[in-house]
């Protein structure tokens, strides 16, 4: 599913657009959604005018970075067919955790009521559901939860402040053990 639609057609404009997104992703991860737009333009090697030409508002830029993260996560689900069902599901859920971390940095700047945000949520469910169904049909995942249930569980675990990464991994392993048959 193509959630991002602003990418320009001309090669030079695409390079600037991609550089802005890369710089924004990095800067937002470090400083949150309120990071300086001047800093993003500087890191991208473009001008602030180029940033505003591509993204007229901060919200436009934040949304585009977020949607790009969703698209990458959705595409990752397609490449897991060669793994056993449980391993494919768990690998994708680990990618989902990385997405949650990126989303937390952008959360303040997202319009959650917007159509593109709602489409991204539907895309995530559509990407993950075949992995869950395959694991359920193989008898390695609990047949009761939906993908929405599973993503809510993993998101809840991912957003808690843990003392260490090891502790986060132990708690995630407990959550996944509850999903496994």
C-alpha atoms as a PDB file:
ATOM      1  CA  UNK A   1       0.000   0.000   0.000  1.00  0.00           C
ATOM      2  CA  UNK A   2       1.416   3.363  -1.005  1.00  0.00           C
ATOM      3  CA  UNK A   3       0.672   5.755   1.842  1.00  0.00           C
ATOM      4  CA  UNK A   4       3.128   8.422   0.794  1.00  0.00           C
ATOM      5  CA  UNK A   5       2.096  10.447  -2.207  1.00  0.00           C
ATOM      6  CA  UNK A   6       4.063  13.679  -2.099  1.00  0.00           C
ATOM      7  CA  UNK A   7       7.276  12.368  -3.662  1.00  0.00           C
ATOM      8  CA  UNK A   8       8.177  14.571  -6.653  1.00  0.00           C
ATOM      9  CA  UNK A   9       8.701  13.160 -10.149  1.00  0.00           C
ATOM     10  CA  UNK A  10      11.848  15.078 -11.176  1.00  0.00           C
ATOM     11  CA  UNK A  11      15.099  13.360 -10.144  1.00  0.00           C
ATOM     12  CA  UNK A  12      16.649  16.440  -8.497  1.00  0.00           C
ATOM     13  CA  UNK A  13      13.444  17.207  -6.596  1.00  0.00           C
ATOM     14  CA  UNK A  14      13.216  13.543  -5.471  1.00  0.00           C
ATOM     15  CA  UNK A  15      16.782  13.684  -4.157  1.00  0.00           C
ATOM     16  CA  UNK A  16      15.964  16.802  -2.113  1.00  0.00           C
ATOM     17  CA  UNK A  17      12.698  15.264  -0.890  1.00  0.00           C
ATOM     18  CA  UNK A  18      14.451  12.043   0.169  1.00  0.00           C
ATOM     19  CA  UNK A  19      17.292  13.977   1.824  1.00  0.00           C
ATOM     20  CA  UNK A  20      14.761  16.047   3.783  1.00  0.00           C
ATOM     21  CA  UNK A  21      12.941  12.922   4.945  1.00  0.00           C
ATOM     22  CA  UNK A  22      16.165  11.213   5.999  1.00  0.00           C
ATOM     23  CA  UNK A  23      17.304  14.287   7.911  1.00  0.00           C
ATOM     24  CA  UNK A  24      13.863  14.714   9.492  1.00  0.00           C
ATOM     25  CA  UNK A  25      13.740  11.065  10.589  1.00  0.00           C
ATOM     26  CA  UNK A  26      17.159  11.385  12.221  1.00  0.00           C
ATOM     27  CA  UNK A  27      16.457  14.765  13.815  1.00  0.00           C
ATOM     28  CA  UNK A  28      12.996  13.807  15.086  1.00  0.00           C
ATOM     29  CA  UNK A  29      14.449  10.614  16.597  1.00  0.00           C
ATOM     30  CA  UNK A  30      17.019  12.694  18.473  1.00  0.00           C
ATOM     31  CA  UNK A  31      14.924  15.736  19.410  1.00  0.00           C
ATOM     32  CA  UNK A  32      11.240  14.835  18.968  1.00  0.00           C
ATOM     33  CA  UNK A  33       8.623  16.246  16.617  1.00  0.00           C
ATOM     34  CA  UNK A  34       9.355  19.828  17.693  1.00  0.00           C
ATOM     35  CA  UNK A  35      12.917  19.707  16.356  1.00  0.00           C
ATOM     36  CA  UNK A  36      14.117  22.761  14.475  1.00  0.00           C
ATOM     37  CA  UNK A  37      13.088  22.814  10.826  1.00  0.00           C
ATOM     38  CA  UNK A  38      16.194  24.890  10.085  1.00  0.00           C
ATOM     39  CA  UNK A  39      18.282  22.048  11.553  1.00  0.00           C
ATOM     40  CA  UNK A  40      16.490  19.517   9.347  1.00  0.00           C
ATOM     41  CA  UNK A  41      17.127  21.635   6.243  1.00  0.00           C
ATOM     42  CA  UNK A  42      20.783  22.065   7.216  1.00  0.00           C
ATOM     43  CA  UNK A  43      21.279  18.320   7.770  1.00  0.00           C
ATOM     44  CA  UNK A  44      19.596  17.522   4.460  1.00  0.00           C
ATOM     45  CA  UNK A  45      21.914  19.855   2.545  1.00  0.00           C
ATOM     46  CA  UNK A  46      18.953  21.893   1.286  1.00  0.00           C
ATOM     47  CA  UNK A  47      17.535  25.274   2.135  1.00  0.00           C
ATOM     48  CA  UNK A  48      14.623  26.044   4.423  1.00  0.00           C
ATOM     49  CA  UNK A  49      12.765  27.213   1.292  1.00  0.00           C
ATOM     50  CA  UNK A  50      13.174  23.727  -0.209  1.00  0.00           C
ATOM     51  CA  UNK A  51      11.857  22.204   2.993  1.00  0.00           C
ATOM     52  CA  UNK A  52       8.766  24.431   2.942  1.00  0.00           C
ATOM     53  CA  UNK A  53       8.232  23.865  -0.776  1.00  0.00           C
ATOM     54  CA  UNK A  54       8.023  20.113  -0.104  1.00  0.00           C
ATOM     55  CA  UNK A  55       6.363  20.288   3.309  1.00  0.00           C
ATOM     56  CA  UNK A  56       4.346  23.484   3.803  1.00  0.00           C
ATOM     57  CA  UNK A  57       3.769  22.728   7.498  1.00  0.00           C
ATOM     58  CA  UNK A  58       5.585  20.877  10.263  1.00  0.00           C
ATOM     59  CA  UNK A  59       2.615  18.505  10.411  1.00  0.00           C
ATOM     60  CA  UNK A  60       3.111  17.635   6.728  1.00  0.00           C
ATOM     61  CA  UNK A  61       6.743  16.701   7.366  1.00  0.00           C
ATOM     62  CA  UNK A  62       6.011  14.718  10.531  1.00  0.00           C
ATOM     63  CA  UNK A  63       3.196  12.860   8.780  1.00  0.00           C
ATOM     64  CA  UNK A  64       5.362  11.978   5.785  1.00  0.00           C
ATOM     65  CA  UNK A  65       8.159  10.620   8.010  1.00  0.00           C
ATOM     66  CA  UNK A  66       5.610   8.596   9.958  1.00  0.00           C
ATOM     67  CA  UNK A  67       3.958   7.205   6.821  1.00  0.00           C
ATOM     68  CA  UNK A  68       7.325   6.232   5.407  1.00  0.00           C
ATOM     69  CA  UNK A  69       8.005   4.231   8.591  1.00  0.00           C
ATOM     70  CA  UNK A  70       4.629   2.493   8.210  1.00  0.00           C
ATOM     71  CA  UNK A  71       5.340   1.622   4.571  1.00  0.00           C
ATOM     72  CA  UNK A  72       8.711   0.116   5.486  1.00  0.00           C
ATOM     73  CA  UNK A  73       7.102  -1.973   8.206  1.00  0.00           C
ATOM     74  CA  UNK A  74       4.359  -3.173   5.854  1.00  0.00           C
ATOM     75  CA  UNK A  75       6.923  -4.118   3.189  1.00  0.00           C
ATOM     76  CA  UNK A  76       8.915  -6.059   5.782  1.00  0.00           C
ATOM     77  CA  UNK A  77       5.962  -8.423   6.276  1.00  0.00           C
ATOM     78  CA  UNK A  78       6.126  -9.454   2.614  1.00  0.00           C
ATOM     79  CA  UNK A  79       9.692 -10.698   2.905  1.00  0.00           C
ATOM     80  CA  UNK A  80       9.099 -13.251   5.646  1.00  0.00           C
ATOM     81  CA  UNK A  81       7.430 -16.087   3.731  1.00  0.00           C
ATOM     82  CA  UNK A  82      10.562 -18.234   3.817  1.00  0.00           C
ATOM     83  CA  UNK A  83      10.599 -18.346   7.640  1.00  0.00           C
ATOM     84  CA  UNK A  84       8.578 -20.768   9.766  1.00  0.00           C
ATOM     85  CA  UNK A  85       5.227 -19.203  10.771  1.00  0.00           C
ATOM     86  CA  UNK A  86       6.131 -18.378  14.383  1.00  0.00           C
ATOM     87  CA  UNK A  87       9.558 -16.995  13.468  1.00  0.00           C
ATOM     88  CA  UNK A  88       8.041 -14.808  10.730  1.00  0.00           C
ATOM     89  CA  UNK A  89       5.461 -13.376  13.133  1.00  0.00           C
ATOM     90  CA  UNK A  90       8.034 -12.698  15.860  1.00  0.00           C
ATOM     91  CA  UNK A  91      10.512 -11.112  13.417  1.00  0.00           C
ATOM     92  CA  UNK A  92       7.791  -8.766  12.141  1.00  0.00           C
ATOM     93  CA  UNK A  93       6.686  -7.905  15.686  1.00  0.00           C
ATOM     94  CA  UNK A  94      10.278  -6.936  16.499  1.00  0.00           C
ATOM     95  CA  UNK A  95      10.194  -4.597  13.487  1.00  0.00           C
ATOM     96  CA  UNK A  96       6.904  -3.266  14.859  1.00  0.00           C
ATOM     97  CA  UNK A  97       8.717  -2.405  18.100  1.00  0.00           C
ATOM     98  CA  UNK A  98      11.257  -0.357  16.112  1.00  0.00           C
ATOM     99  CA  UNK A  99       8.323   1.402  14.457  1.00  0.00           C
ATOM    100  CA  UNK A 100       6.774   2.152  17.877  1.00  0.00           C
ATOM    101  CA  UNK A 101      10.029   3.772  18.986  1.00  0.00           C
ATOM    102  CA  UNK A 102      10.013   5.979  15.861  1.00  0.00           C
ATOM    103  CA  UNK A 103       6.337   6.760  16.366  1.00  0.00           C
ATOM    104  CA  UNK A 104       6.959   7.912  19.953  1.00  0.00           C
ATOM    105  CA  UNK A 105       9.383  10.538  18.673  1.00  0.00           C
ATOM    106  CA  UNK A 106       6.723  11.781  16.238  1.00  0.00           C
ATOM    107  CA  UNK A 107       3.641  11.379  18.446  1.00  0.00           C
ATOM    108  CA  UNK A 108       3.266  15.040  19.397  1.00  0.00           C
ATOM    109  CA  UNK A 109       3.231  16.159  15.791  1.00  0.00           C
ATOM    110  CA  UNK A 110       0.799  13.598  14.340  1.00  0.00           C
ATOM    111  CA  UNK A 111      -2.797  14.310  13.412  1.00  0.00           C
ATOM    112  CA  UNK A 112      -4.350  11.026  14.499  1.00  0.00           C
ATOM    113  CA  UNK A 113      -7.754  11.955  13.128  1.00  0.00           C
ATOM    114  CA  UNK A 114      -6.445  12.419   9.583  1.00  0.00           C
ATOM    115  CA  UNK A 115      -7.267  10.071   6.732  1.00  0.00           C
ATOM    116  CA  UNK A 116      -3.626   9.198   6.053  1.00  0.00           C
ATOM    117  CA  UNK A 117      -3.045   8.222   9.695  1.00  0.00           C
ATOM    118  CA  UNK A 118      -6.153   6.026   9.661  1.00  0.00           C
ATOM    119  CA  UNK A 119      -5.029   4.456   6.372  1.00  0.00           C
ATOM    120  CA  UNK A 120      -1.644   3.692   7.934  1.00  0.00           C
ATOM    121  CA  UNK A 121      -3.299   1.862  10.814  1.00  0.00           C
ATOM    122  CA  UNK A 122      -5.342  -0.226   8.351  1.00  0.00           C
ATOM    123  CA  UNK A 123      -2.169  -0.946   6.353  1.00  0.00           C
ATOM    124  CA  UNK A 124      -0.400  -2.253   9.459  1.00  0.00           C
ATOM    125  CA  UNK A 125      -3.262  -4.599  10.268  1.00  0.00           C
ATOM    126  CA  UNK A 126      -3.380  -5.771   6.655  1.00  0.00           C
ATOM    127  CA  UNK A 127       0.381  -6.420   6.596  1.00  0.00           C
ATOM    128  CA  UNK A 128       0.530  -8.280   9.900  1.00  0.00           C
ATOM    129  CA  UNK A 129      -2.683 -10.283   9.721  1.00  0.00           C
ATOM    130  CA  UNK A 130      -1.409 -12.857   7.184  1.00  0.00           C
ATOM    131  CA  UNK A 131       1.579 -13.550   9.448  1.00  0.00           C
ATOM    132  CA  UNK A 132      -0.669 -14.064  12.465  1.00  0.00           C
ATOM    133  CA  UNK A 133      -3.162 -16.197  10.535  1.00  0.00           C
ATOM    134  CA  UNK A 134      -0.338 -18.356   9.154  1.00  0.00           C
ATOM    135  CA  UNK A 135       1.015 -18.902  12.690  1.00  0.00           C
ATOM    136  CA  UNK A 136      -2.488 -19.633  13.998  1.00  0.00           C
ATOM    137  CA  UNK A 137      -3.195 -22.095  11.179  1.00  0.00           C
ATOM    138  CA  UNK A 138       0.146 -23.828  11.850  1.00  0.00           C
ATOM    139  CA  UNK A 139      -0.965 -24.269  15.465  1.00  0.00           C
ATOM    140  CA  UNK A 140       1.909 -22.231  16.934  1.00  0.00           C
ATOM    141  CA  UNK A 141      -0.051 -19.080  17.866  1.00  0.00           C
ATOM    142  CA  UNK A 142      -3.148 -18.735  20.014  1.00  0.00           C
ATOM    143  CA  UNK A 143      -6.165 -18.765  17.671  1.00  0.00           C
ATOM    144  CA  UNK A 144      -8.144 -16.172  19.646  1.00  0.00           C
ATOM    145  CA  UNK A 145      -6.423 -12.785  19.258  1.00  0.00           C
ATOM    146  CA  UNK A 146      -6.732 -10.558  16.213  1.00  0.00           C
ATOM    147  CA  UNK A 147      -3.807  -8.618  14.775  1.00  0.00           C
ATOM    148  CA  UNK A 148      -5.250  -5.525  16.436  1.00  0.00           C
ATOM    149  CA  UNK A 149      -5.060  -7.301  19.812  1.00  0.00           C
ATOM    150  CA  UNK A 150      -1.488  -8.431  19.186  1.00  0.00           C
ATOM    151  CA  UNK A 151      -0.293  -4.995  18.058  1.00  0.00           C
ATOM    152  CA  UNK A 152      -1.928  -3.331  21.053  1.00  0.00           C
ATOM    153  CA  UNK A 153      -0.143  -5.811  23.365  1.00  0.00           C
ATOM    154  CA  UNK A 154       3.238  -5.254  21.716  1.00  0.00           C
ATOM    155  CA  UNK A 155       2.732  -1.479  21.613  1.00  0.00           C
ATOM    156  CA  UNK A 156       1.888  -1.466  25.325  1.00  0.00           C
ATOM    157  CA  UNK A 157       5.041  -3.434  26.147  1.00  0.00           C
ATOM    158  CA  UNK A 158       7.134  -1.206  23.875  1.00  0.00           C
ATOM    159  CA  UNK A 159       6.057   2.085  25.402  1.00  0.00           C
ATOM    160  CA  UNK A 160       6.836   1.227  29.021  1.00  0.00           C
ATOM    161  CA  UNK A 161      10.006   2.766  30.455  1.00  0.00           C
ATOM    162  CA  UNK A 162      12.297  -0.157  31.309  1.00  0.00           C
ATOM    163  CA  UNK A 163      15.436  -0.042  33.425  1.00  0.00           C
ATOM    164  CA  UNK A 164      17.452  -1.869  30.723  1.00  0.00           C
ATOM    165  CA  UNK A 165      17.067  -3.266  27.222  1.00  0.00           C
ATOM    166  CA  UNK A 166      17.488  -6.740  28.731  1.00  0.00           C
ATOM    167  CA  UNK A 167      14.459  -6.158  30.932  1.00  0.00           C
ATOM    168  CA  UNK A 168      12.449  -4.987  27.890  1.00  0.00           C
ATOM    169  CA  UNK A 169      13.412  -8.177  26.022  1.00  0.00           C
ATOM    170  CA  UNK A 170      12.374 -10.365  28.993  1.00  0.00           C
ATOM    171  CA  UNK A 171       8.976  -8.664  29.223  1.00  0.00           C
ATOM    172  CA  UNK A 172       8.500  -8.921  25.468  1.00  0.00           C
ATOM    173  CA  UNK A 173       9.390 -12.631  25.641  1.00  0.00           C
ATOM    174  CA  UNK A 174       6.691 -13.052  28.338  1.00  0.00           C
ATOM    175  CA  UNK A 175       4.123 -11.309  26.127  1.00  0.00           C
ATOM    176  CA  UNK A 176       5.065 -13.476  23.140  1.00  0.00           C
ATOM    177  CA  UNK A 177       4.940 -16.626  25.312  1.00  0.00           C
ATOM    178  CA  UNK A 178       1.326 -15.722  26.105  1.00  0.00           C
ATOM    179  CA  UNK A 179       0.582 -15.567  22.390  1.00  0.00           C
ATOM    180  CA  UNK A 180       2.304 -18.852  21.574  1.00  0.00           C
ATOM    181  CA  UNK A 181       0.495 -22.186  21.806  1.00  0.00           C
END
